[in-house]
Amino acid sequence: MGDRWHIEVDRDVCIGSGLCVSSAPGGFRLDGARQSHPVAVETDASEAVLAAAEGCPVEAIAIRLVGGAAGGDGGSRGEQVFPPEE
């Protein structure tokens, strides 16, 4: 894919199903409270990470392209990859 992604997990929404870890074991881990965390906040784009986000039963995983000026802050997060903006 060639892109870099910024991964966020909303731990207020995460139910700890572990589906993300099953789909992308190199991309996500569960902590002691069974809350998901990205292994690395920024990572190379991958089908496994996207599948994990798409398969999350509560849509707790957000993926954005690295770069750009999302929110006008000139920060490291750009266009949203998942969930799709409506």
C-alpha atoms as a PDB file:
ATOM      1  CA  MET A   1       0.000   0.000   0.000  1.00  0.00           C
ATOM      2  CA  GLY A   2       2.914   2.380   0.705  1.00  0.00           C
ATOM      3  CA  ASP A   3       1.033   4.658   3.121  1.00  0.00           C
ATOM      4  CA  ARG A   4       1.649   5.135   6.835  1.00  0.00           C
ATOM      5  CA  TRP A   5      -1.289   4.989   9.218  1.00  0.00           C
ATOM      6  CA  HIS A   6      -2.016   6.487  12.625  1.00  0.00           C
ATOM      7  CA  ILE A   7      -4.033   3.955  14.678  1.00  0.00           C
ATOM      8  CA  GLU A   8      -6.267   4.874  17.616  1.00  0.00           C
ATOM      9  CA  VAL A   9      -8.399   2.640  19.812  1.00  0.00           C
ATOM     10  CA  ASP A  10     -11.203   4.287  21.776  1.00  0.00           C
ATOM     11  CA  ARG A  11     -10.855   2.424  25.062  1.00  0.00           C
ATOM     12  CA  ASP A  12     -14.173   3.871  26.270  1.00  0.00           C
ATOM     13  CA  VAL A  13     -15.794   1.892  23.445  1.00  0.00           C
ATOM     14  CA  CYS A  14     -13.538  -1.209  23.304  1.00  0.00           C
ATOM     15  CA  ILE A  15     -15.166  -4.321  24.794  1.00  0.00           C
ATOM     16  CA  GLY A  16     -12.024  -6.453  24.705  1.00  0.00           C
ATOM     17  CA  SER A  17     -13.299  -9.050  22.249  1.00  0.00           C
ATOM     18  CA  GLY A  18      -9.761  -9.675  20.991  1.00  0.00           C
ATOM     19  CA  LEU A  19     -10.855  -9.866  17.358  1.00  0.00           C
ATOM     20  CA  CYS A  20      -8.315  -7.191  16.453  1.00  0.00           C
ATOM     21  CA  VAL A  21      -5.496  -9.250  17.966  1.00  0.00           C
ATOM     22  CA  SER A  22      -6.694 -12.316  16.061  1.00  0.00           C
ATOM     23  CA  SER A  23      -6.897 -10.397  12.781  1.00  0.00           C
ATOM     24  CA  ALA A  24      -3.653  -8.440  13.177  1.00  0.00           C
ATOM     25  CA  PRO A  25      -1.512  -9.945  15.950  1.00  0.00           C
ATOM     26  CA  GLY A  26       1.386  -7.688  14.990  1.00  0.00           C
ATOM     27  CA  GLY A  27      -0.828  -4.615  15.099  1.00  0.00           C
ATOM     28  CA  PHE A  28      -2.777  -4.897  18.344  1.00  0.00           C
ATOM     29  CA  ARG A  29      -2.420  -6.224  21.879  1.00  0.00           C
ATOM     30  CA  LEU A  30      -4.739  -6.521  24.858  1.00  0.00           C
ATOM     31  CA  ASP A  31      -3.685  -5.157  28.220  1.00  0.00           C
ATOM     32  CA  GLY A  32      -4.464  -6.704  31.611  1.00  0.00           C
ATOM     33  CA  ALA A  33      -7.934  -5.146  31.557  1.00  0.00           C
ATOM     34  CA  ARG A  34      -8.566  -6.679  28.105  1.00  0.00           C
ATOM     35  CA  GLN A  35      -8.466  -3.272  26.435  1.00  0.00           C
ATOM     36  CA  SER A  36      -6.974  -3.095  22.955  1.00  0.00           C
ATOM     37  CA  HIS A  37      -3.916  -0.989  22.166  1.00  0.00           C
ATOM     38  CA  PRO A  38      -2.074  -0.573  18.879  1.00  0.00           C
ATOM     39  CA  VAL A  39       1.390  -2.127  19.069  1.00  0.00           C
ATOM     40  CA  ALA A  40       2.644   1.048  17.353  1.00  0.00           C
ATOM     41  CA  VAL A  41       0.587   4.225  17.033  1.00  0.00           C
ATOM     42  CA  GLU A  42       2.035   4.780  13.554  1.00  0.00           C
ATOM     43  CA  THR A  43       2.504   1.810  11.256  1.00  0.00           C
ATOM     44  CA  ASP A  44       2.744   0.868   7.610  1.00  0.00           C
ATOM     45  CA  ALA A  45      -0.653   0.411   6.010  1.00  0.00           C
ATOM     46  CA  SER A  46      -1.686  -3.229   5.985  1.00  0.00           C
ATOM     47  CA  GLU A  47      -4.662  -5.304   5.007  1.00  0.00           C
ATOM     48  CA  ALA A  48      -4.535  -7.074   8.406  1.00  0.00           C
ATOM     49  CA  VAL A  49      -4.844  -3.825  10.386  1.00  0.00           C
ATOM     50  CA  LEU A  50      -7.675  -2.645   8.134  1.00  0.00           C
ATOM     51  CA  ALA A  51      -9.431  -6.018   8.547  1.00  0.00           C
ATOM     52  CA  ALA A  52      -9.068  -5.703  12.323  1.00  0.00           C
ATOM     53  CA  ALA A  53     -10.678  -2.256  12.283  1.00  0.00           C
ATOM     54  CA  GLU A  54     -13.468  -3.417   9.971  1.00  0.00           C
ATOM     55  CA  GLY A  55     -14.075  -6.492  12.136  1.00  0.00           C
ATOM     56  CA  CYS A  56     -14.234  -4.663  15.460  1.00  0.00           C
ATOM     57  CA  PRO A  57     -17.758  -5.343  16.745  1.00  0.00           C
ATOM     58  CA  VAL A  58     -18.035  -1.875  18.310  1.00  0.00           C
ATOM     59  CA  GLU A  59     -15.962   0.152  15.790  1.00  0.00           C
ATOM     60  CA  ALA A  60     -13.473   1.209  18.469  1.00  0.00           C
ATOM     61  CA  ILE A  61     -10.555   1.394  16.007  1.00  0.00           C
ATOM     62  CA  ALA A  62      -9.881   4.491  13.913  1.00  0.00           C
ATOM     63  CA  ILE A  63      -7.254   4.697  11.174  1.00  0.00           C
ATOM     64  CA  ARG A  64      -5.955   7.904   9.594  1.00  0.00           C
ATOM     65  CA  LEU A  65      -3.234   8.545   7.060  1.00  0.00           C
ATOM     66  CA  VAL A  66      -0.074   9.951   8.606  1.00  0.00           C
ATOM     67  CA  GLY A  67       0.540  13.503   7.432  1.00  0.00           C
ATOM     68  CA  GLY A  68      -1.759  16.283   6.488  1.00  0.00           C
ATOM     69  CA  ALA A  69      -3.393  18.842   8.676  1.00  0.00           C
ATOM     70  CA  ALA A  70      -6.459  17.139  10.127  1.00  0.00           C
ATOM     71  CA  GLY A  71      -8.193  19.535  12.437  1.00  0.00           C
ATOM     72  CA  GLY A  72      -6.034  22.347  11.129  1.00  0.00           C
ATOM     73  CA  ASP A  73      -3.311  21.642  13.679  1.00  0.00           C
ATOM     74  CA  GLY A  74      -0.669  20.572  11.172  1.00  0.00           C
ATOM     75  CA  GLY A  75      -0.359  17.381  13.174  1.00  0.00           C
ATOM     76  CA  SER A  76       0.495  13.865  12.206  1.00  0.00           C
ATOM     77  CA  ARG A  77      -3.005  12.710  11.316  1.00  0.00           C
ATOM     78  CA  GLY A  78      -4.470  13.188   7.878  1.00  0.00           C
ATOM     79  CA  GLU A  79      -7.362  11.764   5.929  1.00  0.00           C
ATOM     80  CA  GLN A  80      -9.507   9.215   7.713  1.00  0.00           C
ATOM     81  CA  VAL A  81      -9.188   5.673   6.341  1.00  0.00           C
ATOM     82  CA  PHE A  82     -11.567   3.886   8.737  1.00  0.00           C
ATOM     83  CA  PRO A  83     -14.311   4.205   9.702  1.00  0.00           C
ATOM     84  CA  PRO A  84     -15.369   5.882   6.484  1.00  0.00           C
ATOM     85  CA  GLU A  85     -16.544   9.456   6.933  1.00  0.00           C
ATOM     86  CA  GLU A  86     -20.201   9.851   6.166  1.00  0.00           C
END
